[in-house]
Amino acid sequence: MPTTLKKVPTSLAYPENISILLVSPNRADLPALRGILHHVQWDLSLVETVAEAERHVRRNAPSVVVCERDLPDGSWKNVLECVNGCSNSPPVLVVSRAADEALWAEVLNFGGYDVLLKPFDKAEVVRVVGMAWRHWRNHASHLASRSTAVLSQTA
């Protein structure tokens, strides 16, 4: 059975407060991702440029960023730079119609989390976004436990 026809599990153990920032000039990506992620009811926001993404990340601290490879005022690398300035930077997933091994290697080498191919595959989106969120949550837990240890040492 083709991957796009496989049933996506509906009983995933994710909290409903996961916030995903979609950075894409293609407004059709938002309903496509909402349709895929509707069963987990994650909060999905759309911005279209690097500048909007930077403002959104500073104000809202998303758990995961899904970013189109090419943007009107830059690229995924610019978005990655702005999220890397956050205390608990969200993982960045890069979206492209022309994903190949070179793009995937570049994304990983620059510190991105993974690449999602368009058109979106339901099972792949749920799997990769879920793994990115787990990575972010584990990193946040690690930061919290480190700061607690530092505070207890200074007291």
C-alpha atoms as a PDB file:
ATOM      1  CA  MET A   1       0.000   0.000   0.000  1.00  0.00           C
ATOM      2  CA  PRO A   2       1.453   3.432  -0.880  1.00  0.00           C
ATOM      3  CA  THR A   3       2.585   5.417   2.128  1.00  0.00           C
ATOM      4  CA  THR A   4       0.096   8.223   1.504  1.00  0.00           C
ATOM      5  CA  LEU A   5      -2.791   5.777   1.869  1.00  0.00           C
ATOM      6  CA  LYS A   6      -1.630   4.263   5.138  1.00  0.00           C
ATOM      7  CA  LYS A   7      -3.685   5.133   8.170  1.00  0.00           C
ATOM      8  CA  VAL A   8      -2.010   7.592  10.487  1.00  0.00           C
ATOM      9  CA  PRO A   9      -2.328   6.555  14.155  1.00  0.00           C
ATOM     10  CA  THR A  10      -4.896   8.661  15.977  1.00  0.00           C
ATOM     11  CA  SER A  11      -3.978   7.734  19.539  1.00  0.00           C
ATOM     12  CA  LEU A  12      -0.574   9.356  19.766  1.00  0.00           C
ATOM     13  CA  ALA A  13       0.656  10.290  23.224  1.00  0.00           C
ATOM     14  CA  TYR A  14       1.261  13.992  22.581  1.00  0.00           C
ATOM     15  CA  PRO A  15      -0.006  16.872  24.671  1.00  0.00           C
ATOM     16  CA  GLU A  16      -2.312  19.288  22.899  1.00  0.00           C
ATOM     17  CA  ASN A  17      -0.127  22.308  23.640  1.00  0.00           C
ATOM     18  CA  ILE A  18       2.537  21.637  21.028  1.00  0.00           C
ATOM     19  CA  SER A  19       3.027  24.769  18.955  1.00  0.00           C
ATOM     20  CA  ILE A  20       4.308  24.490  15.412  1.00  0.00           C
ATOM     21  CA  LEU A  21       5.435  27.456  13.366  1.00  0.00           C
ATOM     22  CA  LEU A  22       5.105  27.019   9.612  1.00  0.00           C
ATOM     23  CA  VAL A  23       7.309  29.420   7.649  1.00  0.00           C
ATOM     24  CA  SER A  24       6.142  29.341   4.045  1.00  0.00           C
ATOM     25  CA  PRO A  25       5.069  31.798   1.367  1.00  0.00           C
ATOM     26  CA  ASN A  26       2.742  29.068   0.105  1.00  0.00           C
ATOM     27  CA  ARG A  27      -0.505  29.566   2.030  1.00  0.00           C
ATOM     28  CA  ALA A  28      -1.784  26.160   0.830  1.00  0.00           C
ATOM     29  CA  ASP A  29       0.757  24.483   3.140  1.00  0.00           C
ATOM     30  CA  LEU A  30      -1.206  25.545   6.228  1.00  0.00           C
ATOM     31  CA  PRO A  31      -4.451  23.697   5.418  1.00  0.00           C
ATOM     32  CA  ALA A  32      -2.419  20.730   4.143  1.00  0.00           C
ATOM     33  CA  LEU A  33      -0.580  20.409   7.466  1.00  0.00           C
ATOM     34  CA  ARG A  34      -3.733  21.092   9.479  1.00  0.00           C
ATOM     35  CA  GLY A  35      -5.417  18.265   7.597  1.00  0.00           C
ATOM     36  CA  ILE A  36      -2.553  15.922   8.445  1.00  0.00           C
ATOM     37  CA  LEU A  37      -2.236  16.983  12.081  1.00  0.00           C
ATOM     38  CA  HIS A  38      -5.934  17.446  12.870  1.00  0.00           C
ATOM     39  CA  HIS A  39      -6.103  14.329  15.036  1.00  0.00           C
ATOM     40  CA  VAL A  40      -3.493  15.645  17.467  1.00  0.00           C
ATOM     41  CA  GLN A  41      -4.875  19.192  17.521  1.00  0.00           C
ATOM     42  CA  TRP A  42      -1.522  20.899  17.656  1.00  0.00           C
ATOM     43  CA  ASP A  43      -1.398  24.683  17.439  1.00  0.00           C
ATOM     44  CA  LEU A  44      -0.196  25.547  13.943  1.00  0.00           C
ATOM     45  CA  SER A  45       0.724  29.139  12.975  1.00  0.00           C
ATOM     46  CA  LEU A  46       1.787  30.463   9.583  1.00  0.00           C
ATOM     47  CA  VAL A  47       4.222  33.242   8.734  1.00  0.00           C
ATOM     48  CA  GLU A  48       5.563  33.892   5.256  1.00  0.00           C
ATOM     49  CA  THR A  49       8.997  35.480   5.714  1.00  0.00           C
ATOM     50  CA  VAL A  50      12.185  35.214   7.750  1.00  0.00           C
ATOM     51  CA  ALA A  51      11.430  38.555   9.426  1.00  0.00           C
ATOM     52  CA  GLU A  52       7.961  37.373  10.498  1.00  0.00           C
ATOM     53  CA  ALA A  53       9.432  34.081  11.710  1.00  0.00           C
ATOM     54  CA  GLU A  54      11.976  35.897  13.865  1.00  0.00           C
ATOM     55  CA  ARG A  55       9.264  38.023  15.516  1.00  0.00           C
ATOM     56  CA  HIS A  56       7.004  34.999  16.023  1.00  0.00           C
ATOM     57  CA  VAL A  57       9.757  32.856  17.559  1.00  0.00           C
ATOM     58  CA  ARG A  58      10.698  35.584  20.053  1.00  0.00           C
ATOM     59  CA  ARG A  59       7.090  36.177  21.123  1.00  0.00           C
ATOM     60  CA  ASN A  60       5.650  32.663  21.075  1.00  0.00           C
ATOM     61  CA  ALA A  61       8.517  30.162  21.541  1.00  0.00           C
ATOM     62  CA  PRO A  62       7.209  27.374  19.261  1.00  0.00           C
ATOM     63  CA  SER A  63       8.099  23.732  19.937  1.00  0.00           C
ATOM     64  CA  VAL A  64       8.873  22.942  16.275  1.00  0.00           C
ATOM     65  CA  VAL A  65       9.525  25.082  13.188  1.00  0.00           C
ATOM     66  CA  VAL A  66       8.600  23.746   9.742  1.00  0.00           C
ATOM     67  CA  CYS A  67      10.266  25.971   7.148  1.00  0.00           C
ATOM     68  CA  GLU A  68      10.101  26.121   3.359  1.00  0.00           C
ATOM     69  CA  ARG A  69      13.577  25.855   1.830  1.00  0.00           C
ATOM     70  CA  ASP A  70      13.299  29.165  -0.058  1.00  0.00           C
ATOM     71  CA  LEU A  71      11.577  32.247   1.361  1.00  0.00           C
ATOM     72  CA  PRO A  72      10.900  35.700  -0.123  1.00  0.00           C
ATOM     73  CA  ASP A  73      13.516  37.365   2.125  1.00  0.00           C
ATOM     74  CA  GLY A  74      15.982  34.537   2.650  1.00  0.00           C
ATOM     75  CA  SER A  75      16.042  30.816   3.256  1.00  0.00           C
ATOM     76  CA  TRP A  76      15.729  28.146   5.909  1.00  0.00           C
ATOM     77  CA  LYS A  77      19.289  28.979   7.018  1.00  0.00           C
ATOM     78  CA  ASN A  78      18.170  32.462   8.089  1.00  0.00           C
ATOM     79  CA  VAL A  79      15.292  30.980  10.083  1.00  0.00           C
ATOM     80  CA  LEU A  80      17.680  28.485  11.685  1.00  0.00           C
ATOM     81  CA  GLU A  81      19.980  31.358  12.707  1.00  0.00           C
ATOM     82  CA  CYS A  82      17.149  33.223  14.401  1.00  0.00           C
ATOM     83  CA  VAL A  83      15.870  30.173  16.333  1.00  0.00           C
ATOM     84  CA  ASN A  84      19.380  29.259  17.437  1.00  0.00           C
ATOM     85  CA  GLY A  85      19.396  32.500  19.436  1.00  0.00           C
ATOM     86  CA  CYS A  86      16.600  31.187  21.684  1.00  0.00           C
ATOM     87  CA  SER A  87      17.305  29.642  25.081  1.00  0.00           C
ATOM     88  CA  ASN A  88      15.491  26.449  24.084  1.00  0.00           C
ATOM     89  CA  SER A  89      15.661  26.639  20.309  1.00  0.00           C
ATOM     90  CA  PRO A  90      13.026  24.611  18.490  1.00  0.00           C
ATOM     91  CA  PRO A  91      14.101  22.025  15.932  1.00  0.00           C
ATOM     92  CA  VAL A  92      13.818  23.224  12.335  1.00  0.00           C
ATOM     93  CA  LEU A  93      12.388  20.956   9.657  1.00  0.00           C
ATOM     94  CA  VAL A  94      13.065  22.054   6.088  1.00  0.00           C
ATOM     95  CA  VAL A  95      10.383  21.526   3.433  1.00  0.00           C
ATOM     96  CA  SER A  96      11.205  21.115  -0.245  1.00  0.00           C
ATOM     97  CA  ARG A  97       9.792  19.631  -3.426  1.00  0.00           C
ATOM     98  CA  ALA A  98      13.311  18.844  -4.566  1.00  0.00           C
ATOM     99  CA  ALA A  99      14.785  17.186  -1.515  1.00  0.00           C
ATOM    100  CA  ASP A 100      17.893  15.163  -2.199  1.00  0.00           C
ATOM    101  CA  GLU A 101      20.830  13.826  -0.221  1.00  0.00           C
ATOM    102  CA  ALA A 102      22.762  17.081  -0.664  1.00  0.00           C
ATOM    103  CA  LEU A 103      19.963  19.167   0.889  1.00  0.00           C
ATOM    104  CA  TRP A 104      19.481  16.648   3.692  1.00  0.00           C
ATOM    105  CA  ALA A 105      23.226  16.653   4.471  1.00  0.00           C
ATOM    106  CA  GLU A 106      23.318  20.462   4.366  1.00  0.00           C
ATOM    107  CA  VAL A 107      20.350  20.750   6.732  1.00  0.00           C
ATOM    108  CA  LEU A 108      21.905  18.343   9.233  1.00  0.00           C
ATOM    109  CA  ASN A 109      25.363  19.943   8.965  1.00  0.00           C
ATOM    110  CA  PHE A 110      23.950  23.414   9.643  1.00  0.00           C
ATOM    111  CA  GLY A 111      21.994  22.177  12.676  1.00  0.00           C
ATOM    112  CA  GLY A 112      18.553  21.612  11.185  1.00  0.00           C
ATOM    113  CA  TYR A 113      16.552  18.617  12.348  1.00  0.00           C
ATOM    114  CA  ASP A 114      15.333  16.951   9.130  1.00  0.00           C
ATOM    115  CA  VAL A 115      13.826  17.459   5.665  1.00  0.00           C
ATOM    116  CA  LEU A 116      10.192  16.908   4.701  1.00  0.00           C
ATOM    117  CA  LEU A 117       9.373  16.248   1.077  1.00  0.00           C
ATOM    118  CA  LYS A 118       6.439  17.855  -0.706  1.00  0.00           C
ATOM    119  CA  PRO A 119       3.791  16.847  -1.395  1.00  0.00           C
ATOM    120  CA  PHE A 120       3.432  15.975   2.279  1.00  0.00           C
ATOM    121  CA  ASP A 121       3.120  12.334   3.254  1.00  0.00           C
ATOM    122  CA  LYS A 122       0.779  12.039   6.246  1.00  0.00           C
ATOM    123  CA  ALA A 123       2.656   9.299   8.074  1.00  0.00           C
ATOM    124  CA  GLU A 124       6.045  10.937   7.470  1.00  0.00           C
ATOM    125  CA  VAL A 125       4.884  14.356   8.681  1.00  0.00           C
ATOM    126  CA  VAL A 126       3.416  12.925  11.886  1.00  0.00           C
ATOM    127  CA  ARG A 127       6.514  10.797  12.496  1.00  0.00           C
ATOM    128  CA  VAL A 128       9.090  13.522  11.839  1.00  0.00           C
ATOM    129  CA  VAL A 129       7.229  16.339  13.612  1.00  0.00           C
ATOM    130  CA  GLY A 130       6.598  14.029  16.579  1.00  0.00           C
ATOM    131  CA  MET A 131      10.266  13.060  16.773  1.00  0.00           C
ATOM    132  CA  ALA A 132      11.322  16.710  16.495  1.00  0.00           C
ATOM    133  CA  TRP A 133       8.945  17.629  19.329  1.00  0.00           C
ATOM    134  CA  ARG A 134      10.320  14.792  21.509  1.00  0.00           C
ATOM    135  CA  HIS A 135      13.846  16.021  20.797  1.00  0.00           C
ATOM    136  CA  TRP A 136      12.831  19.571  21.808  1.00  0.00           C
ATOM    137  CA  ARG A 137      11.048  18.350  24.967  1.00  0.00           C
ATOM    138  CA  ASN A 138      14.028  16.213  26.035  1.00  0.00           C
ATOM    139  CA  HIS A 139      16.373  19.134  25.441  1.00  0.00           C
ATOM    140  CA  ALA A 140      14.088  21.420  27.496  1.00  0.00           C
ATOM    141  CA  SER A 141      14.015  18.870  30.335  1.00  0.00           C
ATOM    142  CA  HIS A 142      17.801  18.623  30.246  1.00  0.00           C
ATOM    143  CA  LEU A 143      18.160  22.423  30.394  1.00  0.00           C
ATOM    144  CA  ALA A 144      15.721  22.603  33.308  1.00  0.00           C
ATOM    145  CA  SER A 145      17.540  19.902  35.286  1.00  0.00           C
ATOM    146  CA  ARG A 146      20.910  21.593  34.622  1.00  0.00           C
ATOM    147  CA  SER A 147      19.670  24.973  35.820  1.00  0.00           C
ATOM    148  CA  THR A 148      18.144  23.349  38.937  1.00  0.00           C
ATOM    149  CA  ALA A 149      21.493  21.691  39.686  1.00  0.00           C
ATOM    150  CA  VAL A 150      23.332  25.004  39.237  1.00  0.00           C
ATOM    151  CA  LEU A 151      20.867  26.813  41.524  1.00  0.00           C
ATOM    152  CA  SER A 152      21.209  24.179  44.238  1.00  0.00           C
ATOM    153  CA  GLN A 153      25.028  24.415  44.056  1.00  0.00           C
ATOM    154  CA  THR A 154      24.981  28.194  44.500  1.00  0.00           C
ATOM    155  CA  ALA A 155      22.531  28.117  47.423  1.00  0.00           C
END
